[in-house]
């Protein structure tokens, strides 16, 4: 009985590890897909559009508005300022955004 319980526990742990690794792999695949999509769109905007098309305000507005929680913004600011940025390009966080969030820039 103890031997059966031991092997059942080992089997279930192996199954759990396999499922967990599959979920992590799918999340990484989605992130890689989004990064590739961004690079393709950047390339299209830079090389395949004429300058007159790039200046059209209805295609490329000056300002984008979207809703994000303050916790997510704080996480992003901390990640950018800690110099542990792992992505291809590092974002620039303006002083206006930091001031609006009540944070001062760490230089």
PDB file of N, CA and C in Angstrom:
ATOM      1  N   UNK A   1       0.824  -1.196   0.000  1.00  0.00           N
ATOM      2  CA  UNK A   1       0.000   0.000   0.000  1.00  0.00           C
ATOM      3  C   UNK A   1       0.870   1.262   0.000  1.00  0.00           C
ATOM      4  N   UNK A   2       1.943   1.245   0.799  1.00  0.00           N
ATOM      5  CA  UNK A   2       2.832   2.404   0.868  1.00  0.00           C
ATOM      6  C   UNK A   2       3.561   2.570  -0.465  1.00  0.00           C
ATOM      7  N   UNK A   3       3.957   1.457  -1.062  1.00  0.00           N
ATOM      8  CA  UNK A   3       4.647   1.509  -2.346  1.00  0.00           C
ATOM      9  C   UNK A   3       3.732   2.074  -3.438  1.00  0.00           C
ATOM     10  N   UNK A   4       2.469   1.655  -3.432  1.00  0.00           N
ATOM     11  CA  UNK A   4       1.497   2.177  -4.394  1.00  0.00           C
ATOM     12  C   UNK A   4       1.304   3.677  -4.199  1.00  0.00           C
ATOM     13  N   UNK A   5       1.175   4.134  -2.958  1.00  0.00           N
ATOM     14  CA  UNK A   5       1.008   5.561  -2.671  1.00  0.00           C
ATOM     15  C   UNK A   5       2.231   6.357  -3.129  1.00  0.00           C
ATOM     16  N   UNK A   6       3.408   5.807  -2.915  1.00  0.00           N
ATOM     17  CA  UNK A   6       4.630   6.492  -3.319  1.00  0.00           C
ATOM     18  C   UNK A   6       4.682   6.665  -4.838  1.00  0.00           C
ATOM     19  N   UNK A   7       4.422   5.588  -5.586  1.00  0.00           N
ATOM     20  CA  UNK A   7       4.468   5.683  -7.041  1.00  0.00           C
ATOM     21  C   UNK A   7       3.340   6.554  -7.592  1.00  0.00           C
ATOM     22  N   UNK A   8       2.193   6.536  -6.961  1.00  0.00           N
ATOM     23  CA  UNK A   8       1.095   7.410  -7.374  1.00  0.00           C
ATOM     24  C   UNK A   8       1.467   8.869  -7.160  1.00  0.00           C
ATOM     25  N   UNK A   9       2.104   9.159  -6.046  1.00  0.00           N
ATOM     26  CA  UNK A   9       2.551  10.520  -5.763  1.00  0.00           C
ATOM     27  C   UNK A   9       3.588  10.969  -6.793  1.00  0.00           C
ATOM     28  N   UNK A  10       4.533  10.110  -7.117  1.00  0.00           N
ATOM     29  CA  UNK A  10       5.551  10.435  -8.121  1.00  0.00           C
ATOM     30  C   UNK A  10       4.892  10.687  -9.479  1.00  0.00           C
ATOM     31  N   UNK A  11       3.938   9.839  -9.858  1.00  0.00           N
ATOM     32  CA  UNK A  11       3.251   9.994 -11.138  1.00  0.00           C
ATOM     33  C   UNK A  11       2.481  11.310 -11.187  1.00  0.00           C
ATOM     34  N   UNK A  12       1.754  11.633 -10.132  1.00  0.00           N
ATOM     35  CA  UNK A  12       0.972  12.870 -10.104  1.00  0.00           C
ATOM     36  C   UNK A  12       1.870  14.106 -10.125  1.00  0.00           C
ATOM     37  N   UNK A  13       2.995  14.045  -9.432  1.00  0.00           N
ATOM     38  CA  UNK A  13       3.922  15.177  -9.457  1.00  0.00           C
ATOM     39  C   UNK A  13       4.504  15.359 -10.859  1.00  0.00           C
ATOM     40  N   UNK A  14       4.836  14.255 -11.518  1.00  0.00           N
ATOM     41  CA  UNK A  14       5.352  14.323 -12.880  1.00  0.00           C
ATOM     42  C   UNK A  14       4.299  14.902 -13.824  1.00  0.00           C
ATOM     43  N   UNK A  15       3.064  14.484 -13.664  1.00  0.00           N
ATOM     44  CA  UNK A  15       1.966  15.005 -14.469  1.00  0.00           C
ATOM     45  C   UNK A  15       1.787  16.503 -14.237  1.00  0.00           C
ATOM     46  N   UNK A  16       1.832  16.930 -12.994  1.00  0.00           N
ATOM     47  CA  UNK A  16       1.700  18.344 -12.642  1.00  0.00           C
ATOM     48  C   UNK A  16       2.835  19.170 -13.252  1.00  0.00           C
ATOM     49  N   UNK A  17       4.054  18.667 -13.175  1.00  0.00           N
ATOM     50  CA  UNK A  17       5.205  19.380 -13.742  1.00  0.00           C
ATOM     51  C   UNK A  17       5.062  19.485 -15.262  1.00  0.00           C
ATOM     52  N   UNK A  18       4.596  18.430 -15.900  1.00  0.00           N
ATOM     53  CA  UNK A  18       4.397  18.463 -17.352  1.00  0.00           C
ATOM     54  C   UNK A  18       3.350  19.476 -17.767  1.00  0.00           C
ATOM     55  N   UNK A  19       2.234  19.512 -17.052  1.00  0.00           N
ATOM     56  CA  UNK A  19       1.174  20.478 -17.360  1.00  0.00           C
ATOM     57  C   UNK A  19       1.662  21.900 -17.124  1.00  0.00           C
ATOM     58  N   UNK A  20       2.370  22.116 -16.039  1.00  0.00           N
ATOM     59  CA  UNK A  20       2.886  23.446 -15.720  1.00  0.00           C
ATOM     60  C   UNK A  20       3.895  23.911 -16.770  1.00  0.00           C
ATOM     61  N   UNK A  21       4.773  23.034 -17.204  1.00  0.00           N
ATOM     62  CA  UNK A  21       5.754  23.430 -18.225  1.00  0.00           C
ATOM     63  C   UNK A  21       5.070  23.725 -19.555  1.00  0.00           C
ATOM     64  N   UNK A  22       4.002  23.007 -19.865  1.00  0.00           N
ATOM     65  CA  UNK A  22       3.253  23.274 -21.100  1.00  0.00           C
ATOM     66  C   UNK A  22       2.584  24.646 -21.046  1.00  0.00           C
ATOM     67  N   UNK A  23       2.029  25.011 -19.897  1.00  0.00           N
ATOM     68  CA  UNK A  23       1.408  26.330 -19.752  1.00  0.00           C
ATOM     69  C   UNK A  23       2.438  27.444 -19.880  1.00  0.00           C
ATOM     70  N   UNK A  24       3.597  27.260 -19.291  1.00  0.00           N
ATOM     71  CA  UNK A  24       4.659  28.269 -19.388  1.00  0.00           C
ATOM     72  C   UNK A  24       5.127  28.389 -20.832  1.00  0.00           C
ATOM     73  N   UNK A  25       5.243  27.277 -21.519  1.00  0.00           N
ATOM     74  CA  UNK A  25       5.665  27.291 -22.918  1.00  0.00           C
ATOM     75  C   UNK A  25       4.659  28.042 -23.782  1.00  0.00           C
ATOM     76  N   UNK A  26       3.358  27.820 -23.539  1.00  0.00           N
ATOM     77  CA  UNK A  26       2.331  28.525 -24.299  1.00  0.00           C
ATOM     78  C   UNK A  26       2.385  30.021 -24.041  1.00  0.00           C
ATOM     79  N   UNK A  27       2.625  30.430 -22.789  1.00  0.00           N
ATOM     80  CA  UNK A  27       2.722  31.854 -22.468  1.00  0.00           C
ATOM     81  C   UNK A  27       3.926  32.472 -23.167  1.00  0.00           C
ATOM     82  N   UNK A  28       5.051  31.758 -23.182  1.00  0.00           N
ATOM     83  CA  UNK A  28       6.241  32.263 -23.875  1.00  0.00           C
ATOM     84  C   UNK A  28       6.011  32.346 -25.379  1.00  0.00           C
ATOM     85  N   UNK A  29       5.275  31.379 -25.932  1.00  0.00           N
ATOM     86  CA  UNK A  29       4.966  31.417 -27.357  1.00  0.00           C
ATOM     87  C   UNK A  29       4.113  32.631 -27.690  1.00  0.00           C
ATOM     88  N   UNK A  30       3.153  32.948 -26.839  1.00  0.00           N
ATOM     89  CA  UNK A  30       2.288  34.107 -27.078  1.00  0.00           C
ATOM     90  C   UNK A  30       3.096  35.396 -27.009  1.00  0.00           C
ATOM     91  N   UNK A  31       3.991  35.501 -26.029  1.00  0.00           N
ATOM     92  CA  UNK A  31       4.833  36.695 -25.924  1.00  0.00           C
ATOM     93  C   UNK A  31       5.754  36.821 -27.134  1.00  0.00           C
ATOM     94  N   UNK A  32       6.299  35.716 -27.593  1.00  0.00           N
ATOM     95  CA  UNK A  32       7.159  35.746 -28.779  1.00  0.00           C
ATOM     96  C   UNK A  32       6.355  36.149 -30.013  1.00  0.00           C
ATOM     97  N   UNK A  33       5.119  35.665 -30.103  1.00  0.00           N
ATOM     98  CA  UNK A  33       4.247  36.041 -31.218  1.00  0.00           C
ATOM     99  C   UNK A  33       3.978  37.540 -31.208  1.00  0.00           C
ATOM    100  N   UNK A  34       3.676  38.107 -30.037  1.00  0.00           N
ATOM    101  CA  UNK A  34       3.407  39.542 -29.952  1.00  0.00           C
ATOM    102  C   UNK A  34       4.646  40.364 -30.289  1.00  0.00           C
ATOM    103  N   UNK A  35       5.817  39.923 -29.850  1.00  0.00           N
ATOM    104  CA  UNK A  35       7.051  40.643 -30.171  1.00  0.00           C
ATOM    105  C   UNK A  35       7.320  40.606 -31.677  1.00  0.00           C
ATOM    106  N   UNK A  36       7.112  39.459 -32.306  1.00  0.00           N
ATOM    107  CA  UNK A  36       7.308  39.347 -33.748  1.00  0.00           C
ATOM    108  C   UNK A  36       6.305  40.212 -34.505  1.00  0.00           C
ATOM    109  N   UNK A  37       5.065  40.230 -34.033  1.00  0.00           N
ATOM    110  CA  UNK A  37       4.034  41.057 -34.662  1.00  0.00           C
ATOM    111  C   UNK A  37       4.407  42.533 -34.584  1.00  0.00           C
ATOM    112  N   UNK A  38       4.938  42.964 -33.444  1.00  0.00           N
ATOM    113  CA  UNK A  38       5.375  44.353 -33.269  1.00  0.00           C
ATOM    114  C   UNK A  38       6.493  44.693 -34.245  1.00  0.00           C
ATOM    115  N   UNK A  39       7.466  43.802 -34.383  1.00  0.00           N
ATOM    116  CA  UNK A  39       8.580  44.054 -35.289  1.00  0.00           C
ATOM    117  C   UNK A  39       8.115  44.138 -36.739  1.00  0.00           C
ATOM    118  N   UNK A  40       7.170  43.287 -37.122  1.00  0.00           N
ATOM    119  CA  UNK A  40       6.655  43.313 -38.492  1.00  0.00           C
ATOM    120  C   UNK A  40       5.901  44.606 -38.757  1.00  0.00           C
ATOM    121  N   UNK A  41       5.076  45.037 -37.809  1.00  0.00           N
ATOM    122  CA  UNK A  41       4.338  46.295 -37.972  1.00  0.00           C
ATOM    123  C   UNK A  41       5.295  47.474 -38.040  1.00  0.00           C
ATOM    124  N   UNK A  42       6.331  47.467 -37.202  1.00  0.00           N
ATOM    125  CA  UNK A  42       7.339  48.534 -37.261  1.00  0.00           C
ATOM    126  C   UNK A  42       8.002  48.583 -38.635  1.00  0.00           C
ATOM    127  N   UNK A  43       8.340  47.423 -39.157  1.00  0.00           N
ATOM    128  CA  UNK A  43       8.990  47.368 -40.467  1.00  0.00           C
ATOM    129  C   UNK A  43       8.061  47.878 -41.563  1.00  0.00           C
ATOM    130  N   UNK A  44       6.797  47.498 -41.505  1.00  0.00           N
ATOM    131  CA  UNK A  44       5.830  47.977 -42.500  1.00  0.00           C
ATOM    132  C   UNK A  44       5.698  49.488 -42.429  1.00  0.00           C
ATOM    133  N   UNK A  45       5.594  50.020 -41.210  1.00  0.00           N
ATOM    134  CA  UNK A  45       5.436  51.466 -41.059  1.00  0.00           C
ATOM    135  C   UNK A  45       6.665  52.223 -41.551  1.00  0.00           C
ATOM    136  N   UNK A  46       7.848  51.677 -41.346  1.00  0.00           N
ATOM    137  CA  UNK A  46       9.065  52.395 -41.731  1.00  0.00           C
ATOM    138  C   UNK A  46       9.410  52.260 -43.211  1.00  0.00           C
ATOM    139  N   UNK A  47       9.261  51.068 -43.775  1.00  0.00           N
ATOM    140  CA  UNK A  47       9.806  50.822 -45.102  1.00  0.00           C
ATOM    141  C   UNK A  47       8.773  50.721 -46.219  1.00  0.00           C
ATOM    142  N   UNK A  48       7.524  50.420 -45.910  1.00  0.00           N
ATOM    143  CA  UNK A  48       6.556  50.199 -46.976  1.00  0.00           C
ATOM    144  C   UNK A  48       5.535  51.316 -47.116  1.00  0.00           C
ATOM    145  N   UNK A  49       5.560  52.297 -46.229  1.00  0.00           N
ATOM    146  CA  UNK A  49       4.644  53.423 -46.343  1.00  0.00           C
ATOM    147  C   UNK A  49       5.393  54.644 -46.851  1.00  0.00           C
ATOM    148  N   UNK A  50       4.723  55.406 -47.665  1.00  0.00           N
ATOM    149  CA  UNK A  50       5.300  56.659 -48.134  1.00  0.00           C
ATOM    150  C   UNK A  50       5.265  57.685 -47.009  1.00  0.00           C
ATOM    151  N   UNK A  51       6.131  58.691 -47.064  1.00  0.00           N
ATOM    152  CA  UNK A  51       6.112  59.712 -46.007  1.00  0.00           C
ATOM    153  C   UNK A  51       4.757  60.399 -45.864  1.00  0.00           C
ATOM    154  N   UNK A  52       4.074  60.610 -46.981  1.00  0.00           N
ATOM    155  CA  UNK A  52       2.750  61.244 -46.886  1.00  0.00           C
ATOM    156  C   UNK A  52       1.758  60.338 -46.157  1.00  0.00           C
ATOM    157  N   UNK A  53       1.907  59.027 -46.305  1.00  0.00           N
ATOM    158  CA  UNK A  53       1.031  58.100 -45.594  1.00  0.00           C
ATOM    159  C   UNK A  53       1.357  58.061 -44.106  1.00  0.00           C
ATOM    160  N   UNK A  54       2.645  58.157 -43.780  1.00  0.00           N
ATOM    161  CA  UNK A  54       3.040  58.131 -42.371  1.00  0.00           C
ATOM    162  C   UNK A  54       2.594  59.379 -41.631  1.00  0.00           C
ATOM    163  N   UNK A  55       2.379  60.481 -42.351  1.00  0.00           N
ATOM    164  CA  UNK A  55       1.962  61.733 -41.718  1.00  0.00           C
ATOM    165  C   UNK A  55       0.455  61.855 -41.570  1.00  0.00           C
ATOM    166  N   UNK A  56      -0.301  60.899 -42.032  1.00  0.00           N
ATOM    167  CA  UNK A  56      -1.765  60.986 -41.942  1.00  0.00           C
ATOM    168  C   UNK A  56      -2.199  60.820 -40.490  1.00  0.00           C
ATOM    169  N   UNK A  57      -2.863  61.839 -39.927  1.00  0.00           N
ATOM    170  CA  UNK A  57      -3.257  61.748 -38.512  1.00  0.00           C
ATOM    171  C   UNK A  57      -4.354  60.722 -38.248  1.00  0.00           C
ATOM    172  N   UNK A  58      -5.153  60.380 -39.263  1.00  0.00           N
ATOM    173  CA  UNK A  58      -6.180  59.366 -39.031  1.00  0.00           C
ATOM    174  C   UNK A  58      -5.587  57.958 -39.021  1.00  0.00           C
ATOM    175  N   UNK A  59      -4.419  57.774 -39.604  1.00  0.00           N
ATOM    176  CA  UNK A  59      -3.737  56.485 -39.551  1.00  0.00           C
ATOM    177  C   UNK A  59      -2.814  56.380 -38.354  1.00  0.00           C
ATOM    178  N   UNK A  60      -2.146  57.472 -38.029  1.00  0.00           N
ATOM    179  CA  UNK A  60      -1.167  57.487 -36.943  1.00  0.00           C
ATOM    180  C   UNK A  60      -1.452  58.677 -36.026  1.00  0.00           C
ATOM    181  N   UNK A  61      -2.342  58.518 -35.063  1.00  0.00           N
ATOM    182  CA  UNK A  61      -2.667  59.653 -34.182  1.00  0.00           C
ATOM    183  C   UNK A  61      -1.477  60.038 -33.306  1.00  0.00           C
ATOM    184  N   UNK A  62      -1.486  61.290 -32.873  1.00  0.00           N
ATOM    185  CA  UNK A  62      -0.407  61.804 -32.024  1.00  0.00           C
ATOM    186  C   UNK A  62      -0.433  61.167 -30.637  1.00  0.00           C
ATOM    187  N   UNK A  63      -1.647  60.919 -30.115  1.00  0.00           N
ATOM    188  CA  UNK A  63      -1.804  60.456 -28.734  1.00  0.00           C
ATOM    189  C   UNK A  63      -2.664  59.196 -28.725  1.00  0.00           C
ATOM    190  N   UNK A  64      -2.258  58.229 -27.913  1.00  0.00           N
ATOM    191  CA  UNK A  64      -3.043  57.025 -27.674  1.00  0.00           C
ATOM    192  C   UNK A  64      -3.530  57.048 -26.236  1.00  0.00           C
ATOM    193  N   UNK A  65      -4.779  56.732 -26.015  1.00  0.00           N
ATOM    194  CA  UNK A  65      -5.326  56.625 -24.671  1.00  0.00           C
ATOM    195  C   UNK A  65      -5.719  55.177 -24.422  1.00  0.00           C
ATOM    196  N   UNK A  66      -5.343  54.667 -23.268  1.00  0.00           N
ATOM    197  CA  UNK A  66      -5.777  53.344 -22.870  1.00  0.00           C
ATOM    198  C   UNK A  66      -5.772  53.272 -21.352  1.00  0.00           C
ATOM    199  N   UNK A  67      -6.481  52.293 -20.831  1.00  0.00           N
ATOM    200  CA  UNK A  67      -6.642  52.143 -19.389  1.00  0.00           C
ATOM    201  C   UNK A  67      -5.678  51.067 -18.898  1.00  0.00           C
ATOM    202  N   UNK A  68      -4.949  51.399 -17.841  1.00  0.00           N
ATOM    203  CA  UNK A  68      -4.037  50.447 -17.219  1.00  0.00           C
ATOM    204  C   UNK A  68      -4.067  50.703 -15.716  1.00  0.00           C
ATOM    205  N   UNK A  69      -3.934  49.654 -14.933  1.00  0.00           N
ATOM    206  CA  UNK A  69      -3.952  49.833 -13.482  1.00  0.00           C
ATOM    207  C   UNK A  69      -2.636  50.453 -13.017  1.00  0.00           C
ATOM    208  N   UNK A  70      -2.708  51.186 -11.926  1.00  0.00           N
ATOM    209  CA  UNK A  70      -1.500  51.852 -11.416  1.00  0.00           C
ATOM    210  C   UNK A  70      -0.462  50.827 -10.957  1.00  0.00           C
ATOM    211  N   UNK A  71      -0.907  49.675 -10.483  1.00  0.00           N
ATOM    212  CA  UNK A  71       0.046  48.636 -10.074  1.00  0.00           C
ATOM    213  C   UNK A  71       0.895  48.164 -11.249  1.00  0.00           C
ATOM    214  N   UNK A  72       0.268  47.988 -12.409  1.00  0.00           N
ATOM    215  CA  UNK A  72       1.018  47.571 -13.591  1.00  0.00           C
ATOM    216  C   UNK A  72       2.016  48.649 -14.014  1.00  0.00           C
ATOM    217  N   UNK A  73       1.613  49.923 -13.905  1.00  0.00           N
ATOM    218  CA  UNK A  73       2.525  51.016 -14.260  1.00  0.00           C
ATOM    219  C   UNK A  73       3.708  51.046 -13.305  1.00  0.00           C
ATOM    220  N   UNK A  74       3.450  50.876 -12.010  1.00  0.00           N
ATOM    221  CA  UNK A  74       4.540  50.881 -11.026  1.00  0.00           C
ATOM    222  C   UNK A  74       5.505  49.719 -11.270  1.00  0.00           C
ATOM    223  N   UNK A  75       4.967  48.541 -11.626  1.00  0.00           N
ATOM    224  CA  UNK A  75       5.829  47.398 -11.929  1.00  0.00           C
ATOM    225  C   UNK A  75       6.722  47.699 -13.130  1.00  0.00           C
ATOM    226  N   UNK A  76       6.129  48.305 -14.164  1.00  0.00           N
ATOM    227  CA  UNK A  76       6.905  48.639 -15.356  1.00  0.00           C
ATOM    228  C   UNK A  76       7.973  49.679 -15.045  1.00  0.00           C
ATOM    229  N   UNK A  77       7.617  50.712 -14.270  1.00  0.00           N
ATOM    230  CA  UNK A  77       8.588  51.753 -13.913  1.00  0.00           C
ATOM    231  C   UNK A  77       9.737  51.151 -13.120  1.00  0.00           C
ATOM    232  N   UNK A  78       9.427  50.300 -12.157  1.00  0.00           N
ATOM    233  CA  UNK A  78      10.485  49.663 -11.360  1.00  0.00           C
ATOM    234  C   UNK A  78      11.392  48.795 -12.231  1.00  0.00           C
ATOM    235  N   UNK A  79      10.797  48.076 -13.179  1.00  0.00           N
ATOM    236  CA  UNK A  79      11.589  47.217 -14.053  1.00  0.00           C
ATOM    237  C   UNK A  79      12.496  48.043 -14.962  1.00  0.00           C
ATOM    238  N   UNK A  80      11.988  49.151 -15.481  1.00  0.00           N
ATOM    239  CA  UNK A  80      12.794  49.998 -16.366  1.00  0.00           C
ATOM    240  C   UNK A  80      13.915  50.679 -15.595  1.00  0.00           C
ATOM    241  N   UNK A  81      13.607  51.187 -14.410  1.00  0.00           N
ATOM    242  CA  UNK A  81      14.603  51.929 -13.642  1.00  0.00           C
ATOM    243  C   UNK A  81      15.635  51.029 -12.973  1.00  0.00           C
ATOM    244  N   UNK A  82      15.358  49.740 -12.834  1.00  0.00           N
ATOM    245  CA  UNK A  82      16.314  48.840 -12.188  1.00  0.00           C
ATOM    246  C   UNK A  82      17.385  48.329 -13.156  1.00  0.00           C
ATOM    247  N   UNK A  83      17.311  48.760 -14.411  1.00  0.00           N
ATOM    248  CA  UNK A  83      18.271  48.350 -15.445  1.00  0.00           C
ATOM    249  C   UNK A  83      18.289  46.840 -15.665  1.00  0.00           C
ATOM    250  N   UNK A  84      17.169  46.185 -15.405  1.00  0.00           N
ATOM    251  CA  UNK A  84      17.028  44.757 -15.688  1.00  0.00           C
ATOM    252  C   UNK A  84      16.102  44.538 -16.877  1.00  0.00           C
ATOM    253  N   UNK A  85      16.108  45.463 -17.816  1.00  0.00           N
ATOM    254  CA  UNK A  85      15.195  45.370 -18.952  1.00  0.00           C
ATOM    255  C   UNK A  85      15.693  44.296 -19.904  1.00  0.00           C
ATOM    256  N   UNK A  86      14.840  43.314 -20.210  1.00  0.00           N
ATOM    257  CA  UNK A  86      15.243  42.165 -21.013  1.00  0.00           C
ATOM    258  C   UNK A  86      14.740  42.244 -22.450  1.00  0.00           C
ATOM    259  N   UNK A  87      13.915  43.212 -22.762  1.00  0.00           N
ATOM    260  CA  UNK A  87      13.345  43.310 -24.102  1.00  0.00           C
ATOM    261  C   UNK A  87      14.349  43.937 -25.064  1.00  0.00           C
ATOM    262  N   UNK A  88      13.968  44.016 -26.322  1.00  0.00           N
ATOM    263  CA  UNK A  88      14.854  44.518 -27.359  1.00  0.00           C
ATOM    264  C   UNK A  88      15.084  46.021 -27.228  1.00  0.00           C
ATOM    265  N   UNK A  89      14.014  46.772 -27.001  1.00  0.00           N
ATOM    266  CA  UNK A  89      14.137  48.222 -26.841  1.00  0.00           C
ATOM    267  C   UNK A  89      13.612  48.625 -25.472  1.00  0.00           C
ATOM    268  N   UNK A  90      14.304  49.527 -24.817  1.00  0.00           N
ATOM    269  CA  UNK A  90      13.924  49.978 -23.486  1.00  0.00           C
ATOM    270  C   UNK A  90      13.036  51.215 -23.609  1.00  0.00           C
ATOM    271  N   UNK A  91      11.863  51.218 -22.951  1.00  0.00           N
ATOM    272  CA  UNK A  91      10.981  52.386 -23.056  1.00  0.00           C
ATOM    273  C   UNK A  91      11.519  53.576 -22.272  1.00  0.00           C
ATOM    274  N   UNK A  92      11.089  54.747 -22.681  1.00  0.00           N
ATOM    275  CA  UNK A  92      11.451  55.982 -21.992  1.00  0.00           C
ATOM    276  C   UNK A  92      10.224  56.450 -21.223  1.00  0.00           C
ATOM    277  N   UNK A  93      10.382  56.634 -19.932  1.00  0.00           N
ATOM    278  CA  UNK A  93       9.278  57.104 -19.098  1.00  0.00           C
ATOM    279  C   UNK A  93       9.517  58.580 -18.825  1.00  0.00           C
ATOM    280  N   UNK A  94       8.590  59.410 -19.269  1.00  0.00           N
ATOM    281  CA  UNK A  94       8.784  60.855 -19.162  1.00  0.00           C
ATOM    282  C   UNK A  94       8.603  61.326 -17.722  1.00  0.00           C
ATOM    283  N   UNK A  95       9.178  62.487 -17.442  1.00  0.00           N
ATOM    284  CA  UNK A  95       9.044  63.087 -16.113  1.00  0.00           C
ATOM    285  C   UNK A  95       7.594  63.435 -15.815  1.00  0.00           C
ATOM    286  N   UNK A  96       6.817  63.765 -16.847  1.00  0.00           N
ATOM    287  CA  UNK A  96       5.406  64.106 -16.665  1.00  0.00           C
ATOM    288  C   UNK A  96       4.628  62.912 -16.126  1.00  0.00           C
ATOM    289  N   UNK A  97       4.905  61.740 -16.658  1.00  0.00           N
ATOM    290  CA  UNK A  97       4.221  60.530 -16.186  1.00  0.00           C
ATOM    291  C   UNK A  97       4.612  60.235 -14.746  1.00  0.00           C
ATOM    292  N   UNK A  98       5.899  60.338 -14.443  1.00  0.00           N
ATOM    293  CA  UNK A  98       6.361  60.083 -13.073  1.00  0.00           C
ATOM    294  C   UNK A  98       5.750  61.080 -12.098  1.00  0.00           C
ATOM    295  N   UNK A  99       5.651  62.342 -12.520  1.00  0.00           N
ATOM    296  CA  UNK A  99       5.066  63.371 -11.658  1.00  0.00           C
ATOM    297  C   UNK A  99       3.574  63.116 -11.452  1.00  0.00           C
ATOM    298  N   UNK A 100       2.872  62.694 -12.507  1.00  0.00           N
ATOM    299  CA  UNK A 100       1.440  62.413 -12.397  1.00  0.00           C
ATOM    300  C   UNK A 100       1.173  61.230 -11.476  1.00  0.00           C
ATOM    301  N   UNK A 101       2.099  60.287 -11.423  1.00  0.00           N
ATOM    302  CA  UNK A 101       1.937  59.123 -10.553  1.00  0.00           C
ATOM    303  C   UNK A 101       2.452  59.376  -9.142  1.00  0.00           C
ATOM    304  N   UNK A 102       3.043  60.542  -8.926  1.00  0.00           N
ATOM    305  CA  UNK A 102       3.547  60.869  -7.596  1.00  0.00           C
ATOM    306  C   UNK A 102       4.882  60.235  -7.297  1.00  0.00           C
ATOM    307  N   UNK A 103       5.643  59.932  -8.335  1.00  0.00           N
ATOM    308  CA  UNK A 103       6.970  59.337  -8.153  1.00  0.00           C
ATOM    309  C   UNK A 103       8.003  60.269  -8.744  1.00  0.00           C
ATOM    310  N   UNK A 104       9.162  60.298  -8.140  1.00  0.00           N
ATOM    311  CA  UNK A 104      10.248  61.105  -8.670  1.00  0.00           C
ATOM    312  C   UNK A 104      11.197  60.204  -9.430  1.00  0.00           C
ATOM    313  N   UNK A 105      11.854  60.777 -10.416  1.00  0.00           N
ATOM    314  CA  UNK A 105      12.777  59.989 -11.237  1.00  0.00           C
ATOM    315  C   UNK A 105      14.036  59.672 -10.450  1.00  0.00           C
ATOM    316  N   UNK A 106      14.436  58.407 -10.492  1.00  0.00           N
ATOM    317  CA  UNK A 106      15.688  57.986  -9.859  1.00  0.00           C
ATOM    318  C   UNK A 106      16.799  58.063 -10.887  1.00  0.00           C
ATOM    319  N   UNK A 107      17.734  58.969 -10.689  1.00  0.00           N
ATOM    320  CA  UNK A 107      18.841  59.105 -11.647  1.00  0.00           C
ATOM    321  C   UNK A 107      20.085  58.470 -11.099  1.00  0.00           C
TER     322      UNK A 107
END
